[in-house]
Amino acid sequence: MGAASVFVGVVSTVVLGGLLDRTRAYKVSLITSSILPVIALIGLLYSLPVGIERFQLVLASGMIYTSIVMAAIPMCMSFSAEVTYPMQASTVNGLLQLFCQIVSGVISLSGVNYLSVDFSEGGITQE
């Protein structure tokens, strides 16, 4: 399943890259790449626990999610390079990745803080 997901992601990235080079429809593709993975994840959550009867839904949801998410990264890099044209693309893409890492770190730490368990109520104390 992992190899098939990578293959589908590479093919979708090449196809979407060719379409974006011809049409320059970045806003439509970015909005689509924000909505479709959520739909695919809902389908994936619906199919849990995985059984024989729901394996096709798991496979389809995984392929849709992988194909869109893997194509979204180069699409965002290309769009940021075109929007900030006088600047070098390497600088813009590096800053974009830096701020994405910072935001994802904040979201991850907030999630861990929100989901943390207070062990003192259950009789377990920290020493």
C-alpha atoms as a PDB file:
ATOM      1  CA  MET A   1       0.000   0.000   0.000  1.00  0.00           C
ATOM      2  CA  GLY A   2       2.897   2.336   0.751  1.00  0.00           C
ATOM      3  CA  ALA A   3       4.529   1.721  -2.627  1.00  0.00           C
ATOM      4  CA  ALA A   4       1.237   2.253  -4.424  1.00  0.00           C
ATOM      5  CA  SER A   5       0.684   5.502  -2.517  1.00  0.00           C
ATOM      6  CA  VAL A   6       4.106   6.800  -3.485  1.00  0.00           C
ATOM      7  CA  PHE A   7       3.520   5.840  -7.120  1.00  0.00           C
ATOM      8  CA  VAL A   8       0.112   7.562  -7.187  1.00  0.00           C
ATOM      9  CA  GLY A   9       1.614  10.639  -5.491  1.00  0.00           C
ATOM     10  CA  VAL A  10       4.435  10.924  -8.024  1.00  0.00           C
ATOM     11  CA  VAL A  11       2.085  10.513 -10.988  1.00  0.00           C
ATOM     12  CA  SER A  12      -0.376  13.077  -9.604  1.00  0.00           C
ATOM     13  CA  THR A  13       2.454  15.533  -8.943  1.00  0.00           C
ATOM     14  CA  VAL A  14       3.691  15.262 -12.537  1.00  0.00           C
ATOM     15  CA  VAL A  15       0.186  15.571 -13.990  1.00  0.00           C
ATOM     16  CA  LEU A  16      -0.821  18.480 -11.748  1.00  0.00           C
ATOM     17  CA  GLY A  17       2.494  20.225 -12.403  1.00  0.00           C
ATOM     18  CA  GLY A  18       1.911  20.035 -16.140  1.00  0.00           C
ATOM     19  CA  LEU A  19      -1.612  21.409 -15.759  1.00  0.00           C
ATOM     20  CA  LEU A  20      -0.425  24.258 -13.548  1.00  0.00           C
ATOM     21  CA  ASP A  21       2.306  25.202 -16.024  1.00  0.00           C
ATOM     22  CA  ARG A  22      -0.334  25.578 -18.742  1.00  0.00           C
ATOM     23  CA  THR A  23      -3.207  27.144 -16.807  1.00  0.00           C
ATOM     24  CA  ARG A  24      -1.605  28.994 -13.853  1.00  0.00           C
ATOM     25  CA  ALA A  25      -4.762  28.213 -11.822  1.00  0.00           C
ATOM     26  CA  TYR A  26      -2.991  28.173  -8.475  1.00  0.00           C
ATOM     27  CA  LYS A  27      -5.860  29.410  -6.322  1.00  0.00           C
ATOM     28  CA  VAL A  28      -8.289  26.747  -7.540  1.00  0.00           C
ATOM     29  CA  SER A  29      -5.743  23.990  -7.120  1.00  0.00           C
ATOM     30  CA  LEU A  30      -4.686  25.187  -3.653  1.00  0.00           C
ATOM     31  CA  ILE A  31      -8.300  25.353  -2.478  1.00  0.00           C
ATOM     32  CA  THR A  32      -8.941  21.901  -3.924  1.00  0.00           C
ATOM     33  CA  SER A  33      -5.818  20.533  -2.270  1.00  0.00           C
ATOM     34  CA  SER A  34      -7.088  21.877   1.049  1.00  0.00           C
ATOM     35  CA  ILE A  35     -10.584  20.359   0.796  1.00  0.00           C
ATOM     36  CA  LEU A  36      -9.996  16.940  -0.803  1.00  0.00           C
ATOM     37  CA  PRO A  37      -7.607  15.573   1.865  1.00  0.00           C
ATOM     38  CA  VAL A  38     -10.187  16.346   4.547  1.00  0.00           C
ATOM     39  CA  ILE A  39     -12.793  14.377   2.604  1.00  0.00           C
ATOM     40  CA  ALA A  40     -10.330  11.514   2.155  1.00  0.00           C
ATOM     41  CA  LEU A  41      -9.538  11.492   5.886  1.00  0.00           C
ATOM     42  CA  ILE A  42     -13.252  11.389   6.721  1.00  0.00           C
ATOM     43  CA  GLY A  43     -13.554   8.371   4.437  1.00  0.00           C
ATOM     44  CA  LEU A  44     -10.551   6.811   6.118  1.00  0.00           C
ATOM     45  CA  LEU A  45     -11.996   7.381   9.581  1.00  0.00           C
ATOM     46  CA  TYR A  46     -15.325   5.956   8.456  1.00  0.00           C
ATOM     47  CA  SER A  47     -13.611   2.757   7.345  1.00  0.00           C
ATOM     48  CA  LEU A  48     -12.038   2.080  10.750  1.00  0.00           C
ATOM     49  CA  PRO A  49     -11.697  -0.594  12.086  1.00  0.00           C
ATOM     50  CA  VAL A  50     -10.320  -2.027   8.885  1.00  0.00           C
ATOM     51  CA  GLY A  51     -11.987  -5.187   7.737  1.00  0.00           C
ATOM     52  CA  ILE A  52     -12.138  -7.086   4.487  1.00  0.00           C
ATOM     53  CA  GLU A  53     -15.370  -5.371   3.470  1.00  0.00           C
ATOM     54  CA  ARG A  54     -13.952  -1.876   3.989  1.00  0.00           C
ATOM     55  CA  PHE A  55     -10.430  -2.373   2.648  1.00  0.00           C
ATOM     56  CA  GLN A  56     -11.314  -0.852  -0.727  1.00  0.00           C
ATOM     57  CA  LEU A  57     -12.485   2.328   1.008  1.00  0.00           C
ATOM     58  CA  VAL A  58      -9.243   2.467   2.991  1.00  0.00           C
ATOM     59  CA  LEU A  59      -7.230   2.027  -0.200  1.00  0.00           C
ATOM     60  CA  ALA A  60      -9.206   4.649  -2.149  1.00  0.00           C
ATOM     61  CA  SER A  61      -9.069   7.166   0.702  1.00  0.00           C
ATOM     62  CA  GLY A  62      -5.345   6.642   1.124  1.00  0.00           C
ATOM     63  CA  MET A  63      -4.687   7.106  -2.590  1.00  0.00           C
ATOM     64  CA  ILE A  64      -6.750  10.295  -2.773  1.00  0.00           C
ATOM     65  CA  TYR A  65      -5.066  11.701   0.317  1.00  0.00           C
ATOM     66  CA  THR A  66      -1.559  10.832  -0.869  1.00  0.00           C
ATOM     67  CA  SER A  67      -2.077  12.073  -4.405  1.00  0.00           C
ATOM     68  CA  ILE A  68      -3.317  15.473  -3.241  1.00  0.00           C
ATOM     69  CA  VAL A  69      -0.923  16.009  -0.334  1.00  0.00           C
ATOM     70  CA  MET A  70       2.187  14.982  -2.279  1.00  0.00           C
ATOM     71  CA  ALA A  71       1.190  17.320  -5.114  1.00  0.00           C
ATOM     72  CA  ALA A  72       0.413  20.224  -2.775  1.00  0.00           C
ATOM     73  CA  ILE A  73       3.998  20.706  -1.594  1.00  0.00           C
ATOM     74  CA  PRO A  74       5.580  21.481  -4.990  1.00  0.00           C
ATOM     75  CA  MET A  75       2.458  23.432  -5.931  1.00  0.00           C
ATOM     76  CA  CYS A  76       2.892  25.711  -2.901  1.00  0.00           C
ATOM     77  CA  MET A  77       6.602  26.120  -3.625  1.00  0.00           C
ATOM     78  CA  SER A  78       5.921  27.051  -7.241  1.00  0.00           C
ATOM     79  CA  PHE A  79       3.157  29.486  -6.297  1.00  0.00           C
ATOM     80  CA  SER A  80       5.336  31.193  -3.702  1.00  0.00           C
ATOM     81  CA  ALA A  81       8.157  31.539  -6.237  1.00  0.00           C
ATOM     82  CA  GLU A  82       5.816  33.185  -8.751  1.00  0.00           C
ATOM     83  CA  VAL A  83       4.204  35.536  -6.231  1.00  0.00           C
ATOM     84  CA  THR A  84       7.569  36.772  -4.928  1.00  0.00           C
ATOM     85  CA  TYR A  85       9.272  36.897  -8.335  1.00  0.00           C
ATOM     86  CA  PRO A  86      12.153  39.336  -7.778  1.00  0.00           C
ATOM     87  CA  MET A  87      13.356  37.296  -4.804  1.00  0.00           C
ATOM     88  CA  GLN A  88      15.227  34.076  -5.339  1.00  0.00           C
ATOM     89  CA  ALA A  89      13.067  30.971  -5.181  1.00  0.00           C
ATOM     90  CA  SER A  90      15.455  29.207  -2.801  1.00  0.00           C
ATOM     91  CA  THR A  91      15.107  31.981  -0.213  1.00  0.00           C
ATOM     92  CA  VAL A  92      11.324  32.068  -0.467  1.00  0.00           C
ATOM     93  CA  ASN A  93      10.974  28.286  -0.302  1.00  0.00           C
ATOM     94  CA  GLY A  94      13.352  28.058   2.649  1.00  0.00           C
ATOM     95  CA  LEU A  95      11.403  30.683   4.584  1.00  0.00           C
ATOM     96  CA  LEU A  96       8.135  28.970   3.685  1.00  0.00           C
ATOM     97  CA  GLN A  97       9.403  25.662   5.041  1.00  0.00           C
ATOM     98  CA  LEU A  98      10.763  27.367   8.166  1.00  0.00           C
ATOM     99  CA  PHE A  99       7.435  28.965   9.023  1.00  0.00           C
ATOM    100  CA  CYS A 100       5.544  25.750   8.215  1.00  0.00           C
ATOM    101  CA  GLN A 101       7.788  23.903  10.682  1.00  0.00           C
ATOM    102  CA  ILE A 102       7.203  26.570  13.337  1.00  0.00           C
ATOM    103  CA  VAL A 103       3.417  26.494  12.879  1.00  0.00           C
ATOM    104  CA  SER A 104       3.282  22.689  12.883  1.00  0.00           C
ATOM    105  CA  GLY A 105       5.431  22.632  16.030  1.00  0.00           C
ATOM    106  CA  VAL A 106       3.081  25.036  17.791  1.00  0.00           C
ATOM    107  CA  ILE A 107       0.060  23.002  16.718  1.00  0.00           C
ATOM    108  CA  SER A 108       1.726  19.763  17.854  1.00  0.00           C
ATOM    109  CA  LEU A 109       2.712  21.179  21.232  1.00  0.00           C
ATOM    110  CA  SER A 110      -0.771  22.619  21.714  1.00  0.00           C
ATOM    111  CA  GLY A 111      -2.282  19.235  20.908  1.00  0.00           C
ATOM    112  CA  VAL A 112       0.023  17.443  23.334  1.00  0.00           C
ATOM    113  CA  ASN A 113      -0.787  19.982  26.035  1.00  0.00           C
ATOM    114  CA  TYR A 114      -4.506  19.595  25.373  1.00  0.00           C
ATOM    115  CA  LEU A 115      -4.367  15.796  25.389  1.00  0.00           C
ATOM    116  CA  SER A 116      -2.041  15.455  28.379  1.00  0.00           C
ATOM    117  CA  VAL A 117      -3.262  13.332  31.258  1.00  0.00           C
ATOM    118  CA  ASP A 118      -3.076  14.360  34.890  1.00  0.00           C
ATOM    119  CA  PHE A 119      -1.720  11.260  36.565  1.00  0.00           C
ATOM    120  CA  SER A 120      -2.053  12.665  40.080  1.00  0.00           C
ATOM    121  CA  GLU A 121      -5.801  12.012  40.153  1.00  0.00           C
ATOM    122  CA  GLY A 122      -5.359   8.313  39.399  1.00  0.00           C
ATOM    123  CA  GLY A 123      -2.970   7.712  42.273  1.00  0.00           C
ATOM    124  CA  ILE A 124       0.163   8.070  40.141  1.00  0.00           C
ATOM    125  CA  THR A 125       2.369  10.948  41.197  1.00  0.00           C
ATOM    126  CA  GLN A 126       5.363  12.406  39.468  1.00  0.00           C
ATOM    127  CA  GLU A 127       8.587  12.364  41.467  1.00  0.00           C
END
